[in-house]
Amino acid sequence: ESLLLITKGKSFRKVKREEIINYNQNRAFIKAVIKNENILIIIEKDN
């Protein structure tokens, strides 16, 4: 799922953002490198 968020910008699951964030945490981070592109995705409960 994280790879799809990196490459396509969306998940294949129909889920709420808070379900992606680890329990007791406020936000989740995905970092990736594609060629010369550095990608950072910050997922919060409302954003």
ModelCIF file with pLDDT and N, C-alpha, C, O atoms, coordinates in Angstrom:
data_MODEL
#
_entry.id   MODEL 
#
_entity.id                         1 
_entity.type                       polymer 
_entity.pdbx_number_of_molecules   1 
#
_entity_poly.entity_id                      1 
_entity_poly.type                           'polypeptide(L)' 
_entity_poly.nstd_linkage                   no 
_entity_poly.nstd_monomer                   no 
_entity_poly.pdbx_seq_one_letter_code       ESLLLITKGKSFRKVKREEIINYNQNRAFIKAVIKNENILIIIEKDN 
_entity_poly.pdbx_seq_one_letter_code_can   ESLLLITKGKSFRKVKREEIINYNQNRAFIKAVIKNENILIIIEKDN 
_entity_poly.pdbx_strand_id                 A 
#
loop_
_entity_poly_seq.entity_id 
_entity_poly_seq.num 
_entity_poly_seq.mon_id 
_entity_poly_seq.hetero 
1 1  GLU n 
1 2  SER n 
1 3  LEU n 
1 4  LEU n 
1 5  LEU n 
1 6  ILE n 
1 7  THR n 
1 8  LYS n 
1 9  GLY n 
1 10 LYS n 
1 11 SER n 
1 12 PHE n 
1 13 ARG n 
1 14 LYS n 
1 15 VAL n 
1 16 LYS n 
1 17 ARG n 
1 18 GLU n 
1 19 GLU n 
1 20 ILE n 
1 21 ILE n 
1 22 ASN n 
1 23 TYR n 
1 24 ASN n 
1 25 GLN n 
1 26 ASN n 
1 27 ARG n 
1 28 ALA n 
1 29 PHE n 
1 30 ILE n 
1 31 LYS n 
1 32 ALA n 
1 33 VAL n 
1 34 ILE n 
1 35 LYS n 
1 36 ASN n 
1 37 GLU n 
1 38 ASN n 
1 39 ILE n 
1 40 LEU n 
1 41 ILE n 
1 42 ILE n 
1 43 ILE n 
1 44 GLU n 
1 45 LYS n 
1 46 ASP n 
1 47 ASN n 
#
_struct_asym.id          A 
_struct_asym.entity_id   1 
#
loop_
_ma_qa_metric.id 
_ma_qa_metric.mode 
_ma_qa_metric.name 
_ma_qa_metric.software_group_id 
_ma_qa_metric.type 
1 global pLDDT . pLDDT 
2 local  pLDDT . pLDDT 
#
_ma_qa_metric_global.metric_id      1 
_ma_qa_metric_global.metric_value   89.47 
_ma_qa_metric_global.model_id       1 
_ma_qa_metric_global.ordinal_id     1 
#
loop_
_ma_qa_metric_local.label_asym_id 
_ma_qa_metric_local.label_comp_id 
_ma_qa_metric_local.label_seq_id 
_ma_qa_metric_local.metric_id 
_ma_qa_metric_local.metric_value 
_ma_qa_metric_local.model_id 
_ma_qa_metric_local.ordinal_id 
A GLU 1  2 94.00 1 1  
A SER 2  2 95.00 1 2  
A LEU 3  2 95.00 1 3  
A LEU 4  2 93.00 1 4  
A LEU 5  2 92.00 1 5  
A ILE 6  2 93.00 1 6  
A THR 7  2 91.00 1 7  
A LYS 8  2 87.00 1 8  
A GLY 9  2 85.00 1 9  
A LYS 10 2 83.00 1 10 
A SER 11 2 84.00 1 11 
A PHE 12 2 87.00 1 12 
A ARG 13 2 83.00 1 13 
A LYS 14 2 79.00 1 14 
A VAL 15 2 77.00 1 15 
A LYS 16 2 77.00 1 16 
A ARG 17 2 80.00 1 17 
A GLU 18 2 82.00 1 18 
A GLU 19 2 83.00 1 19 
A ILE 20 2 89.00 1 20 
A ILE 21 2 92.00 1 21 
A ASN 22 2 90.00 1 22 
A TYR 23 2 85.00 1 23 
A ASN 24 2 83.00 1 24 
A GLN 25 2 89.00 1 25 
A ASN 26 2 90.00 1 26 
A ARG 27 2 92.00 1 27 
A ALA 28 2 95.00 1 28 
A PHE 29 2 97.00 1 29 
A ILE 30 2 97.00 1 30 
A LYS 31 2 97.00 1 31 
A ALA 32 2 97.00 1 32 
A VAL 33 2 96.00 1 33 
A ILE 34 2 93.00 1 34 
A LYS 35 2 85.00 1 35 
A ASN 36 2 84.00 1 36 
A GLU 37 2 90.00 1 37 
A ASN 38 2 94.00 1 38 
A ILE 39 2 95.00 1 39 
A LEU 40 2 96.00 1 40 
A ILE 41 2 95.00 1 41 
A ILE 42 2 95.00 1 42 
A ILE 43 2 94.00 1 43 
A GLU 44 2 92.00 1 44 
A LYS 45 2 87.00 1 45 
A ASP 46 2 87.00 1 46 
A ASN 47 2 89.00 1 47 
#
loop_
_atom_site.group_PDB 
_atom_site.id 
_atom_site.type_symbol 
_atom_site.label_atom_id 
_atom_site.label_alt_id 
_atom_site.label_comp_id 
_atom_site.label_asym_id 
_atom_site.label_entity_id 
_atom_site.label_seq_id 
_atom_site.pdbx_PDB_ins_code 
_atom_site.Cartn_x 
_atom_site.Cartn_y 
_atom_site.Cartn_z 
_atom_site.occupancy 
_atom_site.B_iso_or_equiv 
_atom_site.pdbx_formal_charge 
_atom_site.auth_seq_id 
_atom_site.auth_comp_id 
_atom_site.auth_asym_id 
_atom_site.auth_atom_id 
_atom_site.pdbx_PDB_model_num 
ATOM 1   N N  . GLU A 1 1  ? 0.828   -1.205 0.000  1.00 94.00 ? 1  GLU A N  1 
ATOM 2   C CA . GLU A 1 1  ? 0.000   0.000  0.000  1.00 94.00 ? 1  GLU A CA 1 
ATOM 3   C C  . GLU A 1 1  ? 0.864   1.257  0.000  1.00 94.00 ? 1  GLU A C  1 
ATOM 4   O O  . GLU A 1 1  ? 0.554   2.224  -0.696 1.00 94.00 ? 1  GLU A O  1 
ATOM 5   N N  . SER A 1 2  ? 1.940   1.246  0.774  1.00 95.00 ? 2  SER A N  1 
ATOM 6   C CA . SER A 1 2  ? 2.824   2.425  0.831  1.00 95.00 ? 2  SER A CA 1 
ATOM 7   C C  . SER A 1 2  ? 3.470   2.691  -0.529 1.00 95.00 ? 2  SER A C  1 
ATOM 8   O O  . SER A 1 2  ? 3.692   3.845  -0.894 1.00 95.00 ? 2  SER A O  1 
ATOM 9   N N  . LEU A 1 3  ? 3.772   1.628  -1.278 1.00 95.00 ? 3  LEU A N  1 
ATOM 10  C CA . LEU A 1 3  ? 4.365   1.800  -2.613 1.00 95.00 ? 3  LEU A CA 1 
ATOM 11  C C  . LEU A 1 3  ? 3.376   2.459  -3.565 1.00 95.00 ? 3  LEU A C  1 
ATOM 12  O O  . LEU A 1 3  ? 3.762   3.271  -4.407 1.00 95.00 ? 3  LEU A O  1 
ATOM 13  N N  . LEU A 1 4  ? 2.103   2.109  -3.430 1.00 93.00 ? 4  LEU A N  1 
ATOM 14  C CA . LEU A 1 4  ? 1.079   2.741  -4.264 1.00 93.00 ? 4  LEU A CA 1 
ATOM 15  C C  . LEU A 1 4  ? 0.888   4.207  -3.895 1.00 93.00 ? 4  LEU A C  1 
ATOM 16  O O  . LEU A 1 4  ? 0.660   5.043  -4.770 1.00 93.00 ? 4  LEU A O  1 
ATOM 17  N N  . LEU A 1 5  ? 0.981   4.521  -2.612 1.00 92.00 ? 5  LEU A N  1 
ATOM 18  C CA . LEU A 1 5  ? 0.898   5.930  -2.208 1.00 92.00 ? 5  LEU A CA 1 
ATOM 19  C C  . LEU A 1 5  ? 2.068   6.724  -2.781 1.00 92.00 ? 5  LEU A C  1 
ATOM 20  O O  . LEU A 1 5  ? 1.919   7.895  -3.130 1.00 92.00 ? 5  LEU A O  1 
ATOM 21  N N  . ILE A 1 6  ? 3.224   6.084  -2.875 1.00 93.00 ? 6  ILE A N  1 
ATOM 22  C CA . ILE A 1 6  ? 4.405   6.750  -3.437 1.00 93.00 ? 6  ILE A CA 1 
ATOM 23  C C  . ILE A 1 6  ? 4.249   6.958  -4.936 1.00 93.00 ? 6  ILE A C  1 
ATOM 24  O O  . ILE A 1 6  ? 4.473   8.059  -5.438 1.00 93.00 ? 6  ILE A O  1 
ATOM 25  N N  . THR A 1 7  ? 3.869   5.918  -5.646 1.00 91.00 ? 7  THR A N  1 
ATOM 26  C CA . THR A 1 7  ? 3.876   5.982  -7.111 1.00 91.00 ? 7  THR A CA 1 
ATOM 27  C C  . THR A 1 7  ? 2.625   6.624  -7.699 1.00 91.00 ? 7  THR A C  1 
ATOM 28  O O  . THR A 1 7  ? 2.698   7.342  -8.696 1.00 91.00 ? 7  THR A O  1 
ATOM 29  N N  . LYS A 1 8  ? 1.450   6.358  -7.063 1.00 87.00 ? 8  LYS A N  1 
ATOM 30  C CA . LYS A 1 8  ? 0.185   6.848  -7.620 1.00 87.00 ? 8  LYS A CA 1 
ATOM 31  C C  . LYS A 1 8  ? -0.480  7.933  -6.772 1.00 87.00 ? 8  LYS A C  1 
ATOM 32  O O  . LYS A 1 8  ? -1.376  8.639  -7.233 1.00 87.00 ? 8  LYS A O  1 
ATOM 33  N N  . GLY A 1 9  ? -0.023  8.051  -5.523 1.00 85.00 ? 9  GLY A N  1 
ATOM 34  C CA . GLY A 1 9  ? -0.600  9.066  -4.651 1.00 85.00 ? 9  GLY A CA 1 
ATOM 35  C C  . GLY A 1 9  ? -1.864  8.626  -3.947 1.00 85.00 ? 9  GLY A C  1 
ATOM 36  O O  . GLY A 1 9  ? -2.509  9.435  -3.280 1.00 85.00 ? 9  GLY A O  1 
ATOM 37  N N  . LYS A 1 10 ? -2.241  7.335  -4.080 1.00 83.00 ? 10 LYS A N  1 
ATOM 38  C CA . LYS A 1 10 ? -3.455  6.871  -3.418 1.00 83.00 ? 10 LYS A CA 1 
ATOM 39  C C  . LYS A 1 10 ? -3.343  5.384  -3.111 1.00 83.00 ? 10 LYS A C  1 
ATOM 40  O O  . LYS A 1 10 ? -2.571  4.653  -3.732 1.00 83.00 ? 10 LYS A O  1 
ATOM 41  N N  . SER A 1 11 ? -4.139  4.960  -2.134 1.00 84.00 ? 11 SER A N  1 
ATOM 42  C CA . SER A 1 11 ? -4.167  3.569  -1.719 1.00 84.00 ? 11 SER A CA 1 
ATOM 43  C C  . SER A 1 11 ? -5.225  2.811  -2.510 1.00 84.00 ? 11 SER A C  1 
ATOM 44  O O  . SER A 1 11 ? -6.135  3.411  -3.082 1.00 84.00 ? 11 SER A O  1 
ATOM 45  N N  . PHE A 1 12 ? -5.097  1.488  -2.536 1.00 87.00 ? 12 PHE A N  1 
ATOM 46  C CA . PHE A 1 12 ? -6.135  0.654  -3.138 1.00 87.00 ? 12 PHE A CA 1 
ATOM 47  C C  . PHE A 1 12 ? -7.216  0.320  -2.114 1.00 87.00 ? 12 PHE A C  1 
ATOM 48  O O  . PHE A 1 12 ? -8.241  -0.266 -2.460 1.00 87.00 ? 12 PHE A O  1 
ATOM 49  N N  . ARG A 1 13 ? -6.989  0.691  -0.856 1.00 83.00 ? 13 ARG A N  1 
ATOM 50  C CA . ARG A 1 13 ? -7.955  0.433  0.201  1.00 83.00 ? 13 ARG A CA 1 
ATOM 51  C C  . ARG A 1 13 ? -8.835  1.663  0.426  1.00 83.00 ? 13 ARG A C  1 
ATOM 52  O O  . ARG A 1 13 ? -8.400  2.799  0.237  1.00 83.00 ? 13 ARG A O  1 
ATOM 53  N N  . LYS A 1 14 ? -10.070 1.412  0.831  1.00 79.00 ? 14 LYS A N  1 
ATOM 54  C CA . LYS A 1 14 ? -10.950 2.503  1.235  1.00 79.00 ? 14 LYS A CA 1 
ATOM 55  C C  . LYS A 1 14 ? -10.848 2.631  2.754  1.00 79.00 ? 14 LYS A C  1 
ATOM 56  O O  . LYS A 1 14 ? -11.577 1.979  3.501  1.00 79.00 ? 14 LYS A O  1 
ATOM 57  N N  . VAL A 1 15 ? -9.926  3.487  3.191  1.00 77.00 ? 15 VAL A N  1 
ATOM 58  C CA . VAL A 1 15 ? -9.659  3.622  4.627  1.00 77.00 ? 15 VAL A CA 1 
ATOM 59  C C  . VAL A 1 15 ? -9.598  5.094  5.013  1.00 77.00 ? 15 VAL A C  1 
ATOM 60  O O  . VAL A 1 15 ? -9.388  5.972  4.176  1.00 77.00 ? 15 VAL A O  1 
ATOM 61  N N  . LYS A 1 16 ? -9.786  5.331  6.294  1.00 77.00 ? 16 LYS A N  1 
ATOM 62  C CA . LYS A 1 16 ? -9.604  6.669  6.840  1.00 77.00 ? 16 LYS A CA 1 
ATOM 63  C C  . LYS A 1 16 ? -8.121  6.903  7.116  1.00 77.00 ? 16 LYS A C  1 
ATOM 64  O O  . LYS A 1 16 ? -7.370  5.959  7.362  1.00 77.00 ? 16 LYS A O  1 
ATOM 65  N N  . ARG A 1 17 ? -7.712  8.157  7.073  1.00 80.00 ? 17 ARG A N  1 
ATOM 66  C CA . ARG A 1 17 ? -6.301  8.453  7.266  1.00 80.00 ? 17 ARG A CA 1 
ATOM 67  C C  . ARG A 1 17 ? -5.776  7.956  8.612  1.00 80.00 ? 17 ARG A C  1 
ATOM 68  O O  . ARG A 1 17 ? -4.646  7.477  8.710  1.00 80.00 ? 17 ARG A O  1 
ATOM 69  N N  . GLU A 1 18 ? -6.615  8.077  9.653  1.00 82.00 ? 18 GLU A N  1 
ATOM 70  C CA . GLU A 1 18 ? -6.129  7.673  10.983 1.00 82.00 ? 18 GLU A CA 1 
ATOM 71  C C  . GLU A 1 18 ? -5.827  6.185  11.060 1.00 82.00 ? 18 GLU A C  1 
ATOM 72  O O  . GLU A 1 18 ? -5.080  5.752  11.938 1.00 82.00 ? 18 GLU A O  1 
ATOM 73  N N  . GLU A 1 19 ? -6.398  5.393  10.149 1.00 83.00 ? 19 GLU A N  1 
ATOM 74  C CA . GLU A 1 19 ? -6.112  3.962  10.142 1.00 83.00 ? 19 GLU A CA 1 
ATOM 75  C C  . GLU A 1 19 ? -4.715  3.671  9.610  1.00 83.00 ? 19 GLU A C  1 
ATOM 76  O O  . GLU A 1 19 ? -4.149  2.612  9.885  1.00 83.00 ? 19 GLU A O  1 
ATOM 77  N N  . ILE A 1 20 ? -4.160  4.610  8.850  1.00 89.00 ? 20 ILE A N  1 
ATOM 78  C CA . ILE A 1 20 ? -2.810  4.439  8.314  1.00 89.00 ? 20 ILE A CA 1 
ATOM 79  C C  . ILE A 1 20 ? -1.758  4.755  9.364  1.00 89.00 ? 20 ILE A C  1 
ATOM 80  O O  . ILE A 1 20 ? -0.662  4.195  9.343  1.00 89.00 ? 20 ILE A O  1 
ATOM 81  N N  . ILE A 1 21 ? -2.096  5.655  10.285 1.00 92.00 ? 21 ILE A N  1 
ATOM 82  C CA . ILE A 1 21 ? -1.137  6.116  11.291 1.00 92.00 ? 21 ILE A CA 1 
ATOM 83  C C  . ILE A 1 21 ? -1.034  5.082  12.413 1.00 92.00 ? 21 ILE A C  1 
ATOM 84  O O  . ILE A 1 21 ? -2.042  4.588  12.919 1.00 92.00 ? 21 ILE A O  1 
ATOM 85  N N  . ASN A 1 22 ? 0.194   4.772  12.783 1.00 90.00 ? 22 ASN A N  1 
ATOM 86  C CA . ASN A 1 22 ? 0.429   3.800  13.853 1.00 90.00 ? 22 ASN A CA 1 
ATOM 87  C C  . ASN A 1 22 ? -0.246  4.235  15.149 1.00 90.00 ? 22 ASN A C  1 
ATOM 88  O O  . ASN A 1 22 ? -0.331  5.426  15.445 1.00 90.00 ? 22 ASN A O  1 
ATOM 89  N N  . TYR A 1 23 ? -0.720  3.266  15.911 1.00 85.00 ? 23 TYR A N  1 
ATOM 90  C CA . TYR A 1 23 ? -1.461  3.519  17.150 1.00 85.00 ? 23 TYR A CA 1 
ATOM 91  C C  . TYR A 1 23 ? -0.678  4.438  18.083 1.00 85.00 ? 23 TYR A C  1 
ATOM 92  O O  . TYR A 1 23 ? 0.526   4.268  18.275 1.00 85.00 ? 23 TYR A O  1 
ATOM 93  N N  . ASN A 1 24 ? -1.375  5.408  18.656 1.00 83.00 ? 24 ASN A N  1 
ATOM 94  C CA . ASN A 1 24 ? -0.810  6.368  19.624 1.00 83.00 ? 24 ASN A CA 1 
ATOM 95  C C  . ASN A 1 24 ? 0.133   7.393  18.982 1.00 83.00 ? 24 ASN A C  1 
ATOM 96  O O  . ASN A 1 24 ? 0.845   8.088  19.707 1.00 83.00 ? 24 ASN A O  1 
ATOM 97  N N  . GLN A 1 25 ? 0.161   7.509  17.663 1.00 89.00 ? 25 GLN A N  1 
ATOM 98  C CA . GLN A 1 25 ? 0.983   8.500  16.975 1.00 89.00 ? 25 GLN A CA 1 
ATOM 99  C C  . GLN A 1 25 ? 0.079   9.528  16.305 1.00 89.00 ? 25 GLN A C  1 
ATOM 100 O O  . GLN A 1 25 ? -1.086  9.250  16.021 1.00 89.00 ? 25 GLN A O  1 
ATOM 101 N N  . ASN A 1 26 ? 0.620   10.710 16.055 1.00 90.00 ? 26 ASN A N  1 
ATOM 102 C CA . ASN A 1 26 ? -0.162  11.794 15.463 1.00 90.00 ? 26 ASN A CA 1 
ATOM 103 C C  . ASN A 1 26 ? -0.052  11.848 13.937 1.00 90.00 ? 26 ASN A C  1 
ATOM 104 O O  . ASN A 1 26 ? -0.946  12.357 13.262 1.00 90.00 ? 26 ASN A O  1 
ATOM 105 N N  . ARG A 1 27 ? 1.030   11.328 13.411 1.00 92.00 ? 27 ARG A N  1 
ATOM 106 C CA . ARG A 1 27 ? 1.236   11.380 11.962 1.00 92.00 ? 27 ARG A CA 1 
ATOM 107 C C  . ARG A 1 27 ? 2.147   10.242 11.520 1.00 92.00 ? 27 ARG A C  1 
ATOM 108 O O  . ARG A 1 27 ? 2.920   9.688  12.301 1.00 92.00 ? 27 ARG A O  1 
ATOM 109 N N  . ALA A 1 28 ? 2.024   9.916  10.238 1.00 95.00 ? 28 ALA A N  1 
ATOM 110 C CA . ALA A 1 28 ? 2.889   8.912  9.620  1.00 95.00 ? 28 ALA A CA 1 
ATOM 111 C C  . ALA A 1 28 ? 3.697   9.575  8.519  1.00 95.00 ? 28 ALA A C  1 
ATOM 112 O O  . ALA A 1 28 ? 3.260   10.555 7.916  1.00 95.00 ? 28 ALA A O  1 
ATOM 113 N N  . PHE A 1 29 ? 4.885   9.028  8.262  1.00 97.00 ? 29 PHE A N  1 
ATOM 114 C CA . PHE A 1 29 ? 5.774   9.578  7.245  1.00 97.00 ? 29 PHE A CA 1 
ATOM 115 C C  . PHE A 1 29 ? 6.157   8.479  6.240  1.00 97.00 ? 29 PHE A C  1 
ATOM 116 O O  . PHE A 1 29 ? 6.468   7.347  6.613  1.00 97.00 ? 29 PHE A O  1 
ATOM 117 N N  . ILE A 1 30 ? 6.122   8.850  4.974  1.00 97.00 ? 30 ILE A N  1 
ATOM 118 C CA . ILE A 1 30 ? 6.648   7.985  3.916  1.00 97.00 ? 30 ILE A CA 1 
ATOM 119 C C  . ILE A 1 30 ? 7.693   8.795  3.154  1.00 97.00 ? 30 ILE A C  1 
ATOM 120 O O  . ILE A 1 30 ? 7.405   9.882  2.652  1.00 97.00 ? 30 ILE A O  1 
ATOM 121 N N  . LYS A 1 31 ? 8.899   8.258  3.074  1.00 97.00 ? 31 LYS A N  1 
ATOM 122 C CA . LYS A 1 31 ? 9.941   8.897  2.276  1.00 97.00 ? 31 LYS A CA 1 
ATOM 123 C C  . LYS A 1 31 ? 10.391  7.914  1.202  1.00 97.00 ? 31 LYS A C  1 
ATOM 124 O O  . LYS A 1 31 ? 10.454  6.708  1.439  1.00 97.00 ? 31 LYS A O  1 
ATOM 125 N N  . ALA A 1 32 ? 10.701  8.436  0.028  1.00 97.00 ? 32 ALA A N  1 
ATOM 126 C CA . ALA A 1 32 ? 11.126  7.565  -1.062 1.00 97.00 ? 32 ALA A CA 1 
ATOM 127 C C  . ALA A 1 32 ? 12.020  8.329  -2.035 1.00 97.00 ? 32 ALA A C  1 
ATOM 128 O O  . ALA A 1 32 ? 12.010  9.559  -2.086 1.00 97.00 ? 32 ALA A O  1 
ATOM 129 N N  . VAL A 1 33 ? 12.788  7.566  -2.799 1.00 96.00 ? 33 VAL A N  1 
ATOM 130 C CA . VAL A 1 33 ? 13.636  8.140  -3.841 1.00 96.00 ? 33 VAL A CA 1 
ATOM 131 C C  . VAL A 1 33 ? 13.347  7.419  -5.147 1.00 96.00 ? 33 VAL A C  1 
ATOM 132 O O  . VAL A 1 33 ? 13.476  6.198  -5.237 1.00 96.00 ? 33 VAL A O  1 
ATOM 133 N N  . ILE A 1 34 ? 12.952  8.191  -6.164 1.00 93.00 ? 34 ILE A N  1 
ATOM 134 C CA . ILE A 1 34 ? 12.760  7.677  -7.517 1.00 93.00 ? 34 ILE A CA 1 
ATOM 135 C C  . ILE A 1 34 ? 13.630  8.502  -8.440 1.00 93.00 ? 34 ILE A C  1 
ATOM 136 O O  . ILE A 1 34 ? 13.345  9.674  -8.689 1.00 93.00 ? 34 ILE A O  1 
ATOM 137 N N  . LYS A 1 35 ? 14.689  7.897  -8.946 1.00 85.00 ? 35 LYS A N  1 
ATOM 138 C CA . LYS A 1 35 ? 15.682  8.592  -9.748 1.00 85.00 ? 35 LYS A CA 1 
ATOM 139 C C  . LYS A 1 35 ? 16.189  9.801  -8.974 1.00 85.00 ? 35 LYS A C  1 
ATOM 140 O O  . LYS A 1 35 ? 16.815  9.627  -7.929 1.00 85.00 ? 35 LYS A O  1 
ATOM 141 N N  . ASN A 1 36 ? 15.940  11.036 -9.456 1.00 84.00 ? 36 ASN A N  1 
ATOM 142 C CA . ASN A 1 36 ? 16.400  12.233 -8.739 1.00 84.00 ? 36 ASN A CA 1 
ATOM 143 C C  . ASN A 1 36 ? 15.290  12.901 -7.937 1.00 84.00 ? 36 ASN A C  1 
ATOM 144 O O  . ASN A 1 36 ? 15.452  14.015 -7.440 1.00 84.00 ? 36 ASN A O  1 
ATOM 145 N N  . GLU A 1 37 ? 14.158  12.205 -7.818 1.00 90.00 ? 37 GLU A N  1 
ATOM 146 C CA . GLU A 1 37 ? 13.020  12.765 -7.099 1.00 90.00 ? 37 GLU A CA 1 
ATOM 147 C C  . GLU A 1 37 ? 13.003  12.241 -5.663 1.00 90.00 ? 37 GLU A C  1 
ATOM 148 O O  . GLU A 1 37 ? 12.972  11.032 -5.431 1.00 90.00 ? 37 GLU A O  1 
ATOM 149 N N  . ASN A 1 38 ? 13.025  13.171 -4.702 1.00 94.00 ? 38 ASN A N  1 
ATOM 150 C CA . ASN A 1 38 ? 12.882  12.813 -3.298 1.00 94.00 ? 38 ASN A CA 1 
ATOM 151 C C  . ASN A 1 38 ? 11.447  13.104 -2.871 1.00 94.00 ? 38 ASN A C  1 
ATOM 152 O O  . ASN A 1 38 ? 10.987  14.245 -2.910 1.00 94.00 ? 38 ASN A O  1 
ATOM 153 N N  . ILE A 1 39 ? 10.757  12.053 -2.465 1.00 95.00 ? 39 ILE A N  1 
ATOM 154 C CA . ILE A 1 39 ? 9.334   12.179 -2.136 1.00 95.00 ? 39 ILE A CA 1 
ATOM 155 C C  . ILE A 1 39 ? 9.143   12.080 -0.635 1.00 95.00 ? 39 ILE A C  1 
ATOM 156 O O  . ILE A 1 39 ? 9.720   11.211 0.020  1.00 95.00 ? 39 ILE A O  1 
ATOM 157 N N  . LEU A 1 40 ? 8.334   12.970 -0.100 1.00 96.00 ? 40 LEU A N  1 
ATOM 158 C CA . LEU A 1 40 ? 7.948   12.929 1.314  1.00 96.00 ? 40 LEU A CA 1 
ATOM 159 C C  . LEU A 1 40 ? 6.432   13.053 1.387  1.00 96.00 ? 40 LEU A C  1 
ATOM 160 O O  . LEU A 1 40 ? 5.851   14.003 0.861  1.00 96.00 ? 40 LEU A O  1 
ATOM 161 N N  . ILE A 1 41 ? 5.797   12.086 2.044  1.00 95.00 ? 41 ILE A N  1 
ATOM 162 C CA . ILE A 1 41 ? 4.351   12.122 2.266  1.00 95.00 ? 41 ILE A CA 1 
ATOM 163 C C  . ILE A 1 41 ? 4.111   12.147 3.769  1.00 95.00 ? 41 ILE A C  1 
ATOM 164 O O  . ILE A 1 41 ? 4.567   11.264 4.496  1.00 95.00 ? 41 ILE A O  1 
ATOM 165 N N  . ILE A 1 42 ? 3.397   13.156 4.220  1.00 95.00 ? 42 ILE A N  1 
ATOM 166 C CA . ILE A 1 42 ? 3.055   13.276 5.634  1.00 95.00 ? 42 ILE A CA 1 
ATOM 167 C C  . ILE A 1 42 ? 1.554   13.047 5.766  1.00 95.00 ? 42 ILE A C  1 
ATOM 168 O O  . ILE A 1 42 ? 0.749   13.763 5.170  1.00 95.00 ? 42 ILE A O  1 
ATOM 169 N N  . ILE A 1 43 ? 1.194   12.052 6.545  1.00 94.00 ? 43 ILE A N  1 
ATOM 170 C CA . ILE A 1 43 ? -0.219  11.694 6.705  1.00 94.00 ? 43 ILE A CA 1 
ATOM 171 C C  . ILE A 1 43 ? -0.647  12.009 8.129  1.00 94.00 ? 43 ILE A C  1 
ATOM 172 O O  . ILE A 1 43 ? -0.109  11.456 9.088  1.00 94.00 ? 43 ILE A O  1 
ATOM 173 N N  . GLU A 1 44 ? -1.621  12.901 8.257  1.00 92.00 ? 44 GLU A N  1 
ATOM 174 C CA . GLU A 1 44 ? -2.208  13.236 9.548  1.00 92.00 ? 44 GLU A CA 1 
ATOM 175 C C  . GLU A 1 44 ? -3.680  12.851 9.520  1.00 92.00 ? 44 GLU A C  1 
ATOM 176 O O  . GLU A 1 44 ? -4.213  12.516 8.462  1.00 92.00 ? 44 GLU A O  1 
ATOM 177 N N  . LYS A 1 45 ? -4.333  12.894 10.656 1.00 87.00 ? 45 LYS A N  1 
ATOM 178 C CA . LYS A 1 45 ? -5.715  12.434 10.738 1.00 87.00 ? 45 LYS A CA 1 
ATOM 179 C C  . LYS A 1 45 ? -6.651  13.244 9.854  1.00 87.00 ? 45 LYS A C  1 
ATOM 180 O O  . LYS A 1 45 ? -7.640  12.714 9.349  1.00 87.00 ? 45 LYS A O  1 
ATOM 181 N N  . ASP A 1 46 ? -6.351  14.513 9.663  1.00 87.00 ? 46 ASP A N  1 
ATOM 182 C CA . ASP A 1 46 ? -7.234  15.372 8.876  1.00 87.00 ? 46 ASP A CA 1 
ATOM 183 C C  . ASP A 1 46 ? -6.561  15.958 7.640  1.00 87.00 ? 46 ASP A C  1 
ATOM 184 O O  . ASP A 1 46 ? -7.084  16.887 7.024  1.00 87.00 ? 46 ASP A O  1 
ATOM 185 N N  . ASN A 1 47 ? -5.388  15.407 7.275  1.00 89.00 ? 47 ASN A N  1 
ATOM 186 C CA . ASN A 1 47 ? -4.666  16.010 6.158  1.00 89.00 ? 47 ASN A CA 1 
ATOM 187 C C  . ASN A 1 47 ? -3.618  15.039 5.615  1.00 89.00 ? 47 ASN A C  1 
ATOM 188 O O  . ASN A 1 47 ? -2.904  15.367 4.668  1.00 89.00 ? 47 ASN A O  1 
#
